[in-house]
Amino acid sequence: MRILFFVVLWLLPLLPTHAVSLPNYNITIKNGKFNPEKIEVPAWQRFKITVQNTGISPVEFENLALRVEKVLGLDIGSFVVIHPLKPGTYHFVDEFHIDMAGFDIIVRE
């Protein structure tokens, strides 16, 4: 049994690995205005959002319910990976421009 264990451990690195690329959605934030203002994504699938601040002041991309928060300085970009979501609408805001409309993720079945 011990020999089988070591053989498996030795062969494990030789197995092919397949990295699954996540669907990516690009958004920009300029002085509190999101572009696009909404995206539609399928339910129950992880995805990535790439965020770029193109404005003249810092922004804070945030949804407290999903525990997502990114502070971006001038001309800075970053990304967040969103866990699988159930159908519904998830609203994000720029905490530094709270009076603006914000951004919605619409999750469809």
C-alpha atoms as a PDB file:
ATOM      1  CA  MET A   1       0.000   0.000   0.000  1.00  0.00           C
ATOM      2  CA  ARG A   2       2.813   2.376   0.875  1.00  0.00           C
ATOM      3  CA  ILE A   3       4.470   1.756  -2.492  1.00  0.00           C
ATOM      4  CA  LEU A   4       1.231   2.562  -4.340  1.00  0.00           C
ATOM      5  CA  PHE A   5       0.957   5.829  -2.418  1.00  0.00           C
ATOM      6  CA  PHE A   6       4.473   6.896  -3.437  1.00  0.00           C
ATOM      7  CA  VAL A   7       3.891   5.884  -7.070  1.00  0.00           C
ATOM      8  CA  VAL A   8       0.759   8.037  -7.195  1.00  0.00           C
ATOM      9  CA  LEU A   9       2.617  10.969  -5.614  1.00  0.00           C
ATOM     10  CA  TRP A  10       5.432  10.533  -8.127  1.00  0.00           C
ATOM     11  CA  LEU A  11       3.067  10.410 -11.134  1.00  0.00           C
ATOM     12  CA  LEU A  12       0.786  13.251 -10.015  1.00  0.00           C
ATOM     13  CA  PRO A  13       2.959  16.068 -11.433  1.00  0.00           C
ATOM     14  CA  LEU A  14       2.933  14.332 -14.814  1.00  0.00           C
ATOM     15  CA  LEU A  15      -0.830  14.563 -15.198  1.00  0.00           C
ATOM     16  CA  PRO A  16      -1.937  17.306 -17.593  1.00  0.00           C
ATOM     17  CA  THR A  17      -3.466  20.343 -15.999  1.00  0.00           C
ATOM     18  CA  HIS A  18      -6.158  22.331 -17.721  1.00  0.00           C
ATOM     19  CA  ALA A  19      -6.619  25.872 -16.568  1.00  0.00           C
ATOM     20  CA  VAL A  20     -10.167  26.989 -17.135  1.00  0.00           C
ATOM     21  CA  SER A  21     -10.284  30.587 -18.241  1.00  0.00           C
ATOM     22  CA  LEU A  22     -12.978  32.648 -16.619  1.00  0.00           C
ATOM     23  CA  PRO A  23     -15.344  34.819 -18.654  1.00  0.00           C
ATOM     24  CA  ASN A  24     -14.066  38.397 -18.321  1.00  0.00           C
ATOM     25  CA  TYR A  25     -16.125  41.581 -18.359  1.00  0.00           C
ATOM     26  CA  ASN A  26     -14.340  44.922 -18.750  1.00  0.00           C
ATOM     27  CA  ILE A  27     -15.713  48.061 -17.152  1.00  0.00           C
ATOM     28  CA  THR A  28     -14.370  51.562 -16.751  1.00  0.00           C
ATOM     29  CA  ILE A  29     -15.204  54.106 -14.090  1.00  0.00           C
ATOM     30  CA  LYS A  30     -14.790  57.774 -14.861  1.00  0.00           C
ATOM     31  CA  ASN A  31     -15.628  60.231 -12.077  1.00  0.00           C
ATOM     32  CA  GLY A  32     -18.342  57.954 -10.675  1.00  0.00           C
ATOM     33  CA  LYS A  33     -19.859  56.921 -14.024  1.00  0.00           C
ATOM     34  CA  PHE A  34     -19.639  53.248 -14.984  1.00  0.00           C
ATOM     35  CA  ASN A  35     -19.275  52.104 -18.573  1.00  0.00           C
ATOM     36  CA  PRO A  36     -21.155  49.897 -19.260  1.00  0.00           C
ATOM     37  CA  GLU A  37     -23.783  50.562 -16.599  1.00  0.00           C
ATOM     38  CA  LYS A  38     -24.762  46.882 -16.435  1.00  0.00           C
ATOM     39  CA  ILE A  39     -23.683  43.458 -17.569  1.00  0.00           C
ATOM     40  CA  GLU A  40     -25.609  40.206 -17.863  1.00  0.00           C
ATOM     41  CA  VAL A  41     -23.990  36.986 -16.708  1.00  0.00           C
ATOM     42  CA  PRO A  42     -25.169  33.371 -16.442  1.00  0.00           C
ATOM     43  CA  ALA A  43     -26.213  32.049 -13.035  1.00  0.00           C
ATOM     44  CA  TRP A  44     -24.066  29.647 -11.013  1.00  0.00           C
ATOM     45  CA  GLN A  45     -20.776  30.425 -12.838  1.00  0.00           C
ATOM     46  CA  ARG A  46     -17.658  32.228 -11.642  1.00  0.00           C
ATOM     47  CA  PHE A  47     -16.504  35.192 -13.693  1.00  0.00           C
ATOM     48  CA  LYS A  48     -13.983  37.993 -13.638  1.00  0.00           C
ATOM     49  CA  ILE A  49     -14.528  41.745 -13.814  1.00  0.00           C
ATOM     50  CA  THR A  50     -11.644  43.929 -14.937  1.00  0.00           C
ATOM     51  CA  VAL A  51     -12.063  47.475 -13.641  1.00  0.00           C
ATOM     52  CA  GLN A  52     -10.192  50.531 -14.955  1.00  0.00           C
ATOM     53  CA  ASN A  53     -10.339  54.003 -13.415  1.00  0.00           C
ATOM     54  CA  THR A  54     -10.112  56.552 -16.244  1.00  0.00           C
ATOM     55  CA  GLY A  55     -11.236  59.564 -14.230  1.00  0.00           C
ATOM     56  CA  ILE A  56      -9.423  62.382 -12.473  1.00  0.00           C
ATOM     57  CA  SER A  57     -10.042  61.135  -8.926  1.00  0.00           C
ATOM     58  CA  PRO A  58      -9.849  57.827  -7.038  1.00  0.00           C
ATOM     59  CA  VAL A  59     -12.793  55.411  -7.133  1.00  0.00           C
ATOM     60  CA  GLU A  60     -14.012  52.618  -4.873  1.00  0.00           C
ATOM     61  CA  PHE A  61     -15.763  49.749  -6.690  1.00  0.00           C
ATOM     62  CA  GLU A  62     -17.943  48.165  -4.021  1.00  0.00           C
ATOM     63  CA  ASN A  63     -20.756  45.740  -3.199  1.00  0.00           C
ATOM     64  CA  LEU A  64     -20.886  44.968   0.515  1.00  0.00           C
ATOM     65  CA  ALA A  65     -23.269  42.000   0.207  1.00  0.00           C
ATOM     66  CA  LEU A  66     -20.814  40.194  -2.095  1.00  0.00           C
ATOM     67  CA  ARG A  67     -17.821  41.399  -0.057  1.00  0.00           C
ATOM     68  CA  VAL A  68     -16.234  43.040  -3.090  1.00  0.00           C
ATOM     69  CA  GLU A  69     -14.270  46.242  -2.629  1.00  0.00           C
ATOM     70  CA  LYS A  70     -11.517  47.737  -4.792  1.00  0.00           C
ATOM     71  CA  VAL A  71      -9.991  51.181  -4.398  1.00  0.00           C
ATOM     72  CA  LEU A  72      -8.370  52.408  -7.604  1.00  0.00           C
ATOM     73  CA  GLY A  73      -6.170  55.460  -7.943  1.00  0.00           C
ATOM     74  CA  LEU A  74      -5.879  57.615 -11.047  1.00  0.00           C
ATOM     75  CA  ASP A  75      -5.462  55.554 -14.228  1.00  0.00           C
ATOM     76  CA  ILE A  76      -5.224  52.286 -12.283  1.00  0.00           C
ATOM     77  CA  GLY A  77      -6.825  48.970 -13.194  1.00  0.00           C
ATOM     78  CA  SER A  78      -7.462  45.774 -11.292  1.00  0.00           C
ATOM     79  CA  PHE A  79      -9.792  42.785 -11.313  1.00  0.00           C
ATOM     80  CA  VAL A  80     -12.127  40.855  -9.056  1.00  0.00           C
ATOM     81  CA  VAL A  81     -13.315  37.280  -9.375  1.00  0.00           C
ATOM     82  CA  ILE A  82     -16.983  36.882  -8.530  1.00  0.00           C
ATOM     83  CA  HIS A  83     -18.146  33.567  -7.099  1.00  0.00           C
ATOM     84  CA  PRO A  84     -21.167  31.811  -8.659  1.00  0.00           C
ATOM     85  CA  LEU A  85     -24.302  33.876  -8.096  1.00  0.00           C
ATOM     86  CA  LYS A  86     -27.953  32.941  -7.986  1.00  0.00           C
ATOM     87  CA  PRO A  87     -30.295  34.772 -10.397  1.00  0.00           C
ATOM     88  CA  GLY A  88     -30.991  38.379  -9.480  1.00  0.00           C
ATOM     89  CA  THR A  89     -29.521  41.870  -9.675  1.00  0.00           C
ATOM     90  CA  TYR A  90     -26.413  42.902  -7.769  1.00  0.00           C
ATOM     91  CA  HIS A  91     -25.747  46.629  -7.472  1.00  0.00           C
ATOM     92  CA  PHE A  92     -22.263  48.136  -7.197  1.00  0.00           C
ATOM     93  CA  VAL A  93     -21.393  51.723  -6.332  1.00  0.00           C
ATOM     94  CA  ASP A  94     -18.410  53.997  -6.429  1.00  0.00           C
ATOM     95  CA  GLU A  95     -18.210  54.815  -2.726  1.00  0.00           C
ATOM     96  CA  PHE A  96     -16.327  58.045  -3.511  1.00  0.00           C
ATOM     97  CA  HIS A  97     -19.150  59.182  -5.857  1.00  0.00           C
ATOM     98  CA  ILE A  98     -22.168  57.789  -4.013  1.00  0.00           C
ATOM     99  CA  ASP A  99     -24.573  60.218  -5.737  1.00  0.00           C
ATOM    100  CA  MET A 100     -23.952  58.553  -9.132  1.00  0.00           C
ATOM    101  CA  ALA A 101     -26.093  55.735 -10.592  1.00  0.00           C
ATOM    102  CA  GLY A 102     -23.698  52.836 -10.041  1.00  0.00           C
ATOM    103  CA  PHE A 103     -23.336  49.516 -11.849  1.00  0.00           C
ATOM    104  CA  ASP A 104     -25.514  46.380 -11.984  1.00  0.00           C
ATOM    105  CA  ILE A 105     -24.732  42.741 -12.550  1.00  0.00           C
ATOM    106  CA  ILE A 106     -27.846  41.018 -13.834  1.00  0.00           C
ATOM    107  CA  VAL A 107     -27.658  37.264 -13.302  1.00  0.00           C
ATOM    108  CA  ARG A 108     -29.886  35.188 -15.576  1.00  0.00           C
ATOM    109  CA  GLU A 109     -30.804  31.521 -15.243  1.00  0.00           C
END
